[in-house]
């Protein structure tokens, strides 16, 4: 798989004025180095209405496109599929995997999601390195990240397999949680860190008593949420940018999000919505105990670090795209920067039209009853006598 896009360049001339070439979003197109063979189909779990679309899609990919289809084992073992004798021959050809046990990151050419936005977030979590192109069909509730209609799935999938599609590169956050056990006992810390597995977890049973650190590293598509958890006290965390203390956040918590995540929890907390092509990281407080704490946007290349303030009365909790929630104590820190592994999201039309269409259809952005035009100019208060 290859993404063809003209990279932004700045050409300096001898004149006083610079000639600047800004990347054209329309130049981000999907092209294949070789025809895709292996496709991962992700289906929303516990939704019986998706069983038939799932069977249709798998039959189309296996019989008509001669592709190797990968699905989760729990999806293939669904009782409804097991009882369907007509689907039995297709089901027997499906390749299955288990999340957390089987690494499929090097063998998938294309991902197709059936469901809501959660299916795209889940697909992102399966690939902690490079991510194959993702084609998402709107079969869920909101569907902000799922632009395709399933009614025309054969035509749309055929276009993608031919390489005729626009791409939105959705940036992710590279997040590292470091738990400094020895710091709490006042012992000397070293900078050595354990080697992580591909899924971002430490090797099973691994302990590093010498360094006293337990590290979790993840790729996050939407947001990292730090909140006060079950405590009735305000959370009190310090926010650092490139090693420099910027501010302390006193409130219910703080959201660090990608532009893709700006239309999720961050939007509910009062942040601006940012197009996914904008290289940025958003910092949004959750119910801050301050009248002047406004959400901010920082450059994509910086490193943010969040720690408990020394005078914090309680611990805080952190979650990543709503998953892997864990407690953060004194001496722990959360390091966040932009990942070099974005999610190539396939567009239905183009990356500008799709985004504004989602704003209008899913969030009803700027929906208002139209003002009627004046039928008589003399009715206007601005008309001179």
Protein backbone atom coordinates (compact mmCIF):
# COMPACT_ATOMS: atom_id res chain seq x y z
CA UNK A 1 0.00 0.00 0.00
CA UNK A 2 1.25 3.44 -0.88
CA UNK A 3 -0.24 6.83 -0.17
CA UNK A 4 0.62 9.29 -2.85
CA UNK A 5 0.68 12.85 -1.63
CA UNK A 6 2.76 15.86 -2.49
CA UNK A 7 4.62 16.86 0.67
CA UNK A 8 4.59 20.54 1.64
CA UNK A 9 7.80 22.30 0.73
CA UNK A 10 9.11 25.82 1.21
CA UNK A 11 11.29 27.12 -1.61
CA UNK A 12 13.48 30.09 -0.67
CA UNK A 13 14.35 32.44 -3.50
CA UNK A 14 16.93 35.20 -3.63
CA UNK A 15 14.19 37.82 -3.63
CA UNK A 16 12.72 39.23 -0.44
CA UNK A 17 9.49 37.29 -0.94
CA UNK A 18 9.30 33.53 -0.39
CA UNK A 19 7.51 31.17 -2.70
CA UNK A 20 5.55 28.79 -0.48
CA UNK A 21 3.89 25.61 -1.72
CA UNK A 22 1.14 24.42 0.60
CA UNK A 23 -0.02 20.83 0.35
CA UNK A 24 -3.24 20.44 -1.60
CA UNK A 25 -5.55 18.16 0.42
CA UNK A 26 -6.92 16.73 -2.82
CA UNK A 27 -3.45 15.35 -3.62
CA UNK A 28 -3.83 12.68 -0.93
CA UNK A 29 -4.90 9.70 -3.00
CA UNK A 30 -4.82 5.97 -2.40
CA UNK A 31 -2.67 3.92 -4.77
CA UNK A 32 -1.69 0.26 -4.46
CA UNK A 33 1.81 -1.04 -5.14
CA UNK A 34 0.18 -4.43 -5.71
CA UNK A 35 -3.46 -5.57 -5.62
CA UNK A 36 -4.74 -5.95 -2.04
CA UNK A 37 -5.25 -9.55 -0.95
CA UNK A 38 -5.98 -9.60 2.78
CA UNK A 39 -8.88 -7.58 4.16
CA UNK A 40 -9.89 -7.20 7.81
CA UNK A 41 -13.64 -6.88 8.36
CA UNK A 42 -14.65 -5.36 11.71
CA UNK A 43 -18.25 -5.69 12.74
CA UNK A 44 -20.00 -4.00 15.63
CA UNK A 45 -20.54 -6.63 18.31
CA UNK A 46 -23.95 -7.34 19.89
CA UNK A 47 -25.92 -5.83 17.02
CA UNK A 48 -28.03 -8.41 15.23
CA UNK A 49 -28.97 -5.93 12.51
CA UNK A 50 -25.41 -6.15 11.18
CA UNK A 51 -25.39 -9.92 10.69
CA UNK A 52 -26.86 -9.81 7.19
CA UNK A 53 -24.66 -6.94 5.93
CA UNK A 54 -21.64 -8.78 7.35
CA UNK A 55 -22.54 -11.99 5.51
CA UNK A 56 -23.18 -10.09 2.27
CA UNK A 57 -19.84 -8.33 2.43
CA UNK A 58 -17.86 -11.47 3.29
CA UNK A 59 -19.53 -13.44 0.48
CA UNK A 60 -18.74 -10.63 -1.97
CA UNK A 61 -15.09 -10.39 -0.91
CA UNK A 62 -14.48 -14.16 -0.89
CA UNK A 63 -16.46 -15.28 -3.93
CA UNK A 64 -16.33 -12.31 -6.28
CA UNK A 65 -13.06 -10.64 -5.29
CA UNK A 66 -11.16 -13.80 -4.22
CA UNK A 67 -9.79 -12.05 -1.15
CA UNK A 68 -8.66 -13.49 2.18
CA UNK A 69 -10.99 -12.17 4.87
CA UNK A 70 -9.87 -11.78 8.49
CA UNK A 71 -12.39 -11.42 11.34
CA UNK A 72 -12.30 -11.66 15.12
CA UNK A 73 -12.87 -15.14 16.46
CA UNK A 74 -15.82 -13.98 18.56
CA UNK A 75 -17.44 -12.63 15.39
CA UNK A 76 -16.92 -15.87 13.47
CA UNK A 77 -18.23 -17.88 16.45
CA UNK A 78 -21.46 -15.89 16.62
CA UNK A 79 -24.38 -18.27 17.14
CA UNK A 80 -26.36 -16.68 14.30
CA UNK A 81 -23.57 -17.38 11.81
CA UNK A 82 -23.00 -20.90 13.12
CA UNK A 83 -26.63 -21.84 12.50
CA UNK A 84 -26.65 -20.48 8.95
CA UNK A 85 -25.83 -23.50 6.77
CA UNK A 86 -25.87 -21.41 3.57
CA UNK A 87 -23.07 -19.26 4.99
CA UNK A 88 -21.10 -22.25 6.24
CA UNK A 89 -18.78 -22.52 3.24
CA UNK A 90 -17.83 -18.83 3.52
CA UNK A 91 -17.44 -19.03 7.28
CA UNK A 92 -14.99 -21.91 6.95
CA UNK A 93 -12.75 -19.76 4.74
CA UNK A 94 -12.54 -16.86 7.19
CA UNK A 95 -9.25 -16.30 9.01
CA UNK A 96 -9.79 -15.57 12.69
CA UNK A 97 -7.70 -13.80 15.33
CA UNK A 98 -7.98 -12.82 18.98
CA UNK A 99 -7.24 -9.31 20.18
CA UNK A 100 -4.22 -9.23 22.46
CA UNK A 101 -3.03 -12.69 21.38
CA UNK A 102 -2.59 -12.66 17.59
CA UNK A 103 -0.58 -10.00 15.76
CA UNK A 104 -2.11 -9.28 12.34
CA UNK A 105 -0.44 -5.90 11.79
CA UNK A 106 1.86 -7.14 9.01
CA UNK A 107 -0.63 -9.12 6.95
CA UNK A 108 -3.61 -6.78 6.40
CA UNK A 109 -3.92 -4.69 3.24
CA UNK A 110 -7.33 -3.08 3.83
CA UNK A 111 -9.74 -2.62 6.75
CA UNK A 112 -13.52 -2.45 6.28
CA UNK A 113 -15.64 -1.38 9.25
CA UNK A 114 -19.36 -2.09 9.66
CA UNK A 115 -20.93 -0.09 12.45
CA UNK A 116 -20.40 3.28 14.09
CA UNK A 117 -17.42 5.43 14.99
CA UNK A 118 -16.39 2.92 17.66
CA UNK A 119 -15.46 0.38 15.00
CA UNK A 120 -12.91 2.81 13.53
CA UNK A 121 -11.46 3.50 16.98
CA UNK A 122 -11.21 -0.22 17.58
CA UNK A 123 -9.49 -0.75 14.23
CA UNK A 124 -6.95 1.90 15.18
CA UNK A 125 -6.22 0.17 18.49
CA UNK A 126 -5.35 -3.09 16.69
CA UNK A 127 -2.49 -1.43 14.82
CA UNK A 128 0.10 0.20 17.07
CA UNK A 129 2.37 0.86 14.10
CA UNK A 130 1.49 1.48 10.46
CA UNK A 131 -2.24 1.27 9.76
CA UNK A 132 -3.78 -0.05 6.50
CA UNK A 133 -6.38 2.12 4.74
CA UNK A 134 -9.73 2.05 6.54
CA UNK A 135 -13.09 2.05 4.75
CA UNK A 136 -15.97 2.66 7.18
CA UNK A 137 -19.65 1.99 6.43
CA UNK A 138 -22.28 3.87 8.40
CA UNK A 139 -24.28 1.19 10.20
CA UNK A 140 -24.17 2.61 13.73
CA UNK A 141 -25.76 5.45 15.66
CA UNK A 142 -23.70 8.62 15.04
CA UNK A 143 -21.45 7.84 12.10
CA UNK A 144 -19.25 10.93 12.06
CA UNK A 145 -16.24 8.88 10.94
CA UNK A 146 -18.17 6.47 8.71
CA UNK A 147 -19.01 8.22 5.43
CA UNK A 148 -20.03 5.24 3.25
CA UNK A 149 -23.59 3.95 2.75
CA UNK A 150 -23.85 0.18 2.73
CA UNK A 151 -26.54 0.14 0.02
CA UNK A 152 -23.82 0.69 -2.62
CA UNK A 153 -21.06 -1.35 -0.97
CA UNK A 154 -20.16 -3.35 -4.09
CA UNK A 155 -19.52 -0.26 -6.18
CA UNK A 156 -17.67 1.55 -3.41
CA UNK A 157 -15.44 -1.39 -2.49
CA UNK A 158 -14.61 -1.98 -6.15
CA UNK A 159 -13.48 1.64 -6.50
CA UNK A 160 -11.23 1.34 -3.47
CA UNK A 161 -9.69 -1.93 -4.69
CA UNK A 162 -8.89 -0.17 -7.96
CA UNK A 163 -7.16 2.63 -6.05
CA UNK A 164 -9.70 5.27 -7.00
CA UNK A 165 -10.21 7.03 -3.66
CA UNK A 166 -9.24 10.10 -1.67
CA UNK A 167 -7.56 9.68 1.71
CA UNK A 168 -7.71 11.61 4.96
CA UNK A 169 -4.63 11.01 7.11
CA UNK A 170 -6.04 11.15 10.63
CA UNK A 171 -3.21 11.87 13.04
CA UNK A 172 -2.90 9.85 16.24
CA UNK A 173 -1.34 10.54 19.60
CA UNK A 174 1.64 8.58 20.84
CA UNK A 175 0.99 8.19 24.55
CA UNK A 176 3.33 6.82 27.19
CA UNK A 177 2.35 6.23 30.82
CA UNK A 178 5.33 5.98 33.15
CA UNK A 179 4.78 4.82 36.71
CA UNK A 180 7.77 5.75 38.87
CA UNK A 181 7.54 3.32 41.75
CA UNK A 182 10.96 4.14 43.22
CA UNK A 183 10.29 7.86 43.25
CA UNK A 184 7.63 7.34 45.89
CA UNK A 185 10.16 5.72 48.19
CA UNK A 186 12.77 8.40 47.52
CA UNK A 187 15.21 6.07 45.75
CA UNK A 188 17.43 6.96 42.80
CA UNK A 189 15.76 6.59 39.39
CA UNK A 190 17.45 5.48 36.21
CA UNK A 191 16.39 6.27 32.65
CA UNK A 192 16.31 2.68 31.45
CA UNK A 193 12.90 1.52 30.21
CA UNK A 194 11.67 -1.98 29.28
CA UNK A 195 11.11 -3.06 25.68
CA UNK A 196 7.42 -2.95 24.75
CA UNK A 197 5.48 -5.56 22.83
CA UNK A 198 3.74 -4.58 19.53
CA UNK A 199 0.42 -4.04 21.35
CA UNK A 200 1.99 -1.43 23.64
CA UNK A 201 2.07 -3.62 26.76
CA UNK A 202 5.01 -4.86 28.76
CA UNK A 203 6.07 -8.47 28.21
CA UNK A 204 3.98 -10.80 30.34
CA UNK A 205 5.30 -11.03 33.89
CA UNK A 206 7.95 -8.38 33.25
CA UNK A 207 9.20 -6.30 36.19
CA UNK A 208 12.03 -3.85 36.17
CA UNK A 209 13.08 -3.52 39.77
CA UNK A 210 16.28 -1.76 38.80
CA UNK A 211 14.57 1.11 37.00
CA UNK A 212 11.38 0.93 39.02
CA UNK A 213 9.26 1.86 35.99
CA UNK A 214 6.21 0.29 34.42
CA UNK A 215 5.49 1.78 31.00
CA UNK A 216 2.47 1.56 28.71
CA UNK A 217 2.72 2.98 25.20
CA UNK A 218 -0.30 3.36 22.94
CA UNK A 219 -1.48 4.97 19.73
CA UNK A 220 -4.66 6.99 20.32
CA UNK A 221 -6.97 8.23 17.57
CA UNK A 222 -9.46 10.43 19.46
CA UNK A 223 -8.30 11.58 22.87
CA UNK A 224 -6.56 10.99 26.16
CA UNK A 225 -8.87 11.85 29.06
CA UNK A 226 -7.56 12.56 32.55
CA UNK A 227 -10.36 12.88 35.13
CA UNK A 228 -10.91 12.85 38.87
CA UNK A 229 -12.51 9.41 38.84
CA UNK A 230 -14.67 8.50 41.86
CA UNK A 231 -13.22 11.24 44.06
CA UNK A 232 -15.40 14.18 45.13
CA UNK A 233 -12.37 16.52 45.14
CA UNK A 234 -11.22 18.58 42.19
CA UNK A 235 -8.48 16.97 40.17
CA UNK A 236 -5.24 18.95 40.28
CA UNK A 237 -2.70 18.15 37.57
CA UNK A 238 0.27 20.01 36.14
CA UNK A 239 0.60 20.43 32.37
CA UNK A 240 4.07 20.64 30.81
CA UNK A 241 4.92 21.51 27.21
CA UNK A 242 8.36 20.41 26.00
CA UNK A 243 9.52 20.15 29.61
CA UNK A 244 8.25 23.57 30.72
CA UNK A 245 5.36 23.96 33.16
CA UNK A 246 2.52 25.72 31.34
CA UNK A 247 -0.31 25.62 33.85
CA UNK A 248 -2.10 23.60 36.49
CA UNK A 249 -5.55 22.22 35.73
CA UNK A 250 -8.00 22.33 38.62
CA UNK A 251 -11.39 20.92 37.75
CA UNK A 252 -12.94 17.65 36.66
CA UNK A 253 -10.01 16.89 34.38
CA UNK A 254 -8.42 17.62 31.02
CA UNK A 255 -8.77 16.25 27.48
CA UNK A 256 -5.83 16.01 25.08
CA UNK A 257 -7.18 15.25 21.64
CA UNK A 258 -6.33 14.98 17.97
CA UNK A 259 -8.20 17.01 15.34
CA UNK A 260 -10.28 13.86 14.75
CA UNK A 261 -11.13 13.83 18.46
CA UNK A 262 -12.10 17.50 18.40
CA UNK A 263 -15.64 16.50 17.37
CA UNK A 264 -15.93 13.94 20.18
CA UNK A 265 -15.59 14.54 23.95
CA UNK A 266 -13.65 17.78 23.38
CA UNK A 267 -16.59 19.29 21.46
CA UNK A 268 -18.89 18.47 24.38
CA UNK A 269 -16.42 20.24 26.70
CA UNK A 270 -16.51 23.42 24.62
CA UNK A 271 -13.53 23.05 22.28
CA UNK A 272 -13.41 24.18 18.66
CA UNK A 273 -13.79 21.60 15.93
CA UNK A 274 -10.66 21.17 13.80
CA UNK A 275 -10.40 19.53 10.39
CA UNK A 276 -8.39 16.28 10.63
CA UNK A 277 -5.81 17.54 8.13
CA UNK A 278 -4.69 20.33 10.48
CA UNK A 279 -1.48 19.31 12.33
CA UNK A 280 -2.34 20.13 15.93
CA UNK A 281 -3.00 18.86 19.44
CA UNK A 282 -5.93 20.20 21.44
CA UNK A 283 -5.94 20.73 25.21
CA UNK A 284 -9.42 21.13 26.67
CA UNK A 285 -10.21 21.44 30.39
CA UNK A 286 -13.23 19.58 31.76
CA UNK A 287 -15.32 21.90 33.97
CA UNK A 288 -12.32 23.99 35.12
CA UNK A 289 -12.72 25.94 38.37
CA UNK A 290 -11.67 29.09 36.54
CA UNK A 291 -13.53 31.65 34.46
CA UNK A 292 -10.59 32.19 32.11
CA UNK A 293 -9.39 28.68 31.25
CA UNK A 294 -10.16 28.38 27.56
CA UNK A 295 -9.30 25.39 25.35
CA UNK A 296 -5.99 25.78 23.49
CA UNK A 297 -4.41 24.35 20.34
CA UNK A 298 -0.67 23.58 20.25
CA UNK A 299 1.59 22.49 17.38
CA UNK A 300 1.60 18.81 16.52
CA UNK A 301 5.33 18.36 17.15
CA UNK A 302 5.42 19.30 20.83
CA UNK A 303 5.48 16.86 23.76
CA UNK A 304 2.92 17.33 26.49
CA UNK A 305 3.37 15.84 29.93
CA UNK A 306 0.72 15.54 32.63
CA UNK A 307 1.53 14.82 36.27
CA UNK A 308 -0.28 15.07 39.57
CA UNK A 309 0.39 18.41 41.26
CA UNK A 310 2.42 18.03 44.46
CA UNK A 311 -0.47 19.40 46.53
CA UNK A 312 -3.18 17.31 44.78
CA UNK A 313 -5.64 15.86 47.30
CA UNK A 314 -6.47 12.77 45.28
CA UNK A 315 -5.26 10.60 42.43
CA UNK A 316 -6.64 10.89 38.90
CA UNK A 317 -7.62 8.37 36.23
CA UNK A 318 -6.68 8.22 32.58
CA UNK A 319 -8.30 6.50 29.59
CA UNK A 320 -7.32 6.21 25.92
CA UNK A 321 -10.15 6.41 23.38
CA UNK A 322 -12.38 5.26 26.23
CA UNK A 323 -10.35 2.12 26.93
CA UNK A 324 -7.59 0.79 29.23
CA UNK A 325 -8.58 3.06 32.10
CA UNK A 326 -6.04 3.20 34.91
CA UNK A 327 -5.12 5.22 37.99
CA UNK A 328 -2.39 7.87 38.02
CA UNK A 329 -0.66 8.50 41.33
CA UNK A 330 2.04 10.84 42.61
CA UNK A 331 5.27 10.13 40.75
CA UNK A 332 3.47 8.92 37.60
CA UNK A 333 3.44 10.90 34.37
CA UNK A 334 1.65 10.81 31.02
CA UNK A 335 3.69 11.84 27.97
CA UNK A 336 1.81 12.74 24.80
CA UNK A 337 2.98 13.75 21.34
CA UNK A 338 1.84 13.31 17.76
CA UNK A 339 2.43 9.82 16.39
CA UNK A 340 4.19 9.18 13.11
CA UNK A 341 1.55 6.51 12.33
CA UNK A 342 -1.71 8.17 11.19
CA UNK A 343 -4.89 6.34 10.25
CA UNK A 344 -5.52 6.54 6.46
CA UNK A 345 -9.28 7.00 6.36
CA UNK A 346 -10.82 6.51 2.91
CA UNK A 347 -13.17 9.32 1.85
CA UNK A 348 -16.53 8.80 0.21
CA UNK A 349 -16.26 12.03 -1.81
CA UNK A 350 -13.25 14.08 -0.68
CA UNK A 351 -11.73 15.04 2.65
CA UNK A 352 -13.30 18.52 2.72
CA UNK A 353 -16.83 17.59 1.62
CA UNK A 354 -16.99 14.52 3.88
CA UNK A 355 -16.07 16.49 6.99
CA UNK A 356 -18.61 19.26 6.47
CA UNK A 357 -21.24 16.69 5.53
CA UNK A 358 -20.61 14.93 8.85
CA UNK A 359 -20.83 18.21 10.75
CA UNK A 360 -24.19 18.96 9.16
CA UNK A 361 -25.73 15.48 9.26
CA UNK A 362 -24.39 14.17 12.60
CA UNK A 363 -23.96 17.28 14.75
CA UNK A 364 -26.45 19.58 12.96
CA UNK A 365 -23.79 22.26 12.83
CA UNK A 366 -25.20 25.78 12.37
CA UNK A 367 -28.75 24.55 11.86
CA UNK A 368 -31.15 27.49 12.10
CA UNK A 369 -34.44 28.50 10.61
CA UNK A 370 -33.70 30.80 7.67
CA UNK A 371 -34.50 34.48 8.06
CA UNK A 372 -37.18 35.60 5.63
CA UNK A 373 -36.29 38.26 3.11
CA UNK A 374 -37.97 41.65 3.23
CA UNK A 375 -40.85 42.06 0.82
CA UNK A 376 -40.92 45.83 1.21
CA UNK A 377 -37.71 47.82 1.56
CA UNK A 378 -39.54 50.48 3.56
CA UNK A 379 -39.95 47.94 6.38
CA UNK A 380 -36.24 48.10 7.13
CA UNK A 381 -35.14 50.22 10.08
CA UNK A 382 -31.99 51.12 8.13
CA UNK A 383 -33.95 52.87 5.36
CA UNK A 384 -33.50 56.62 5.40
CA UNK A 385 -36.62 58.79 5.75
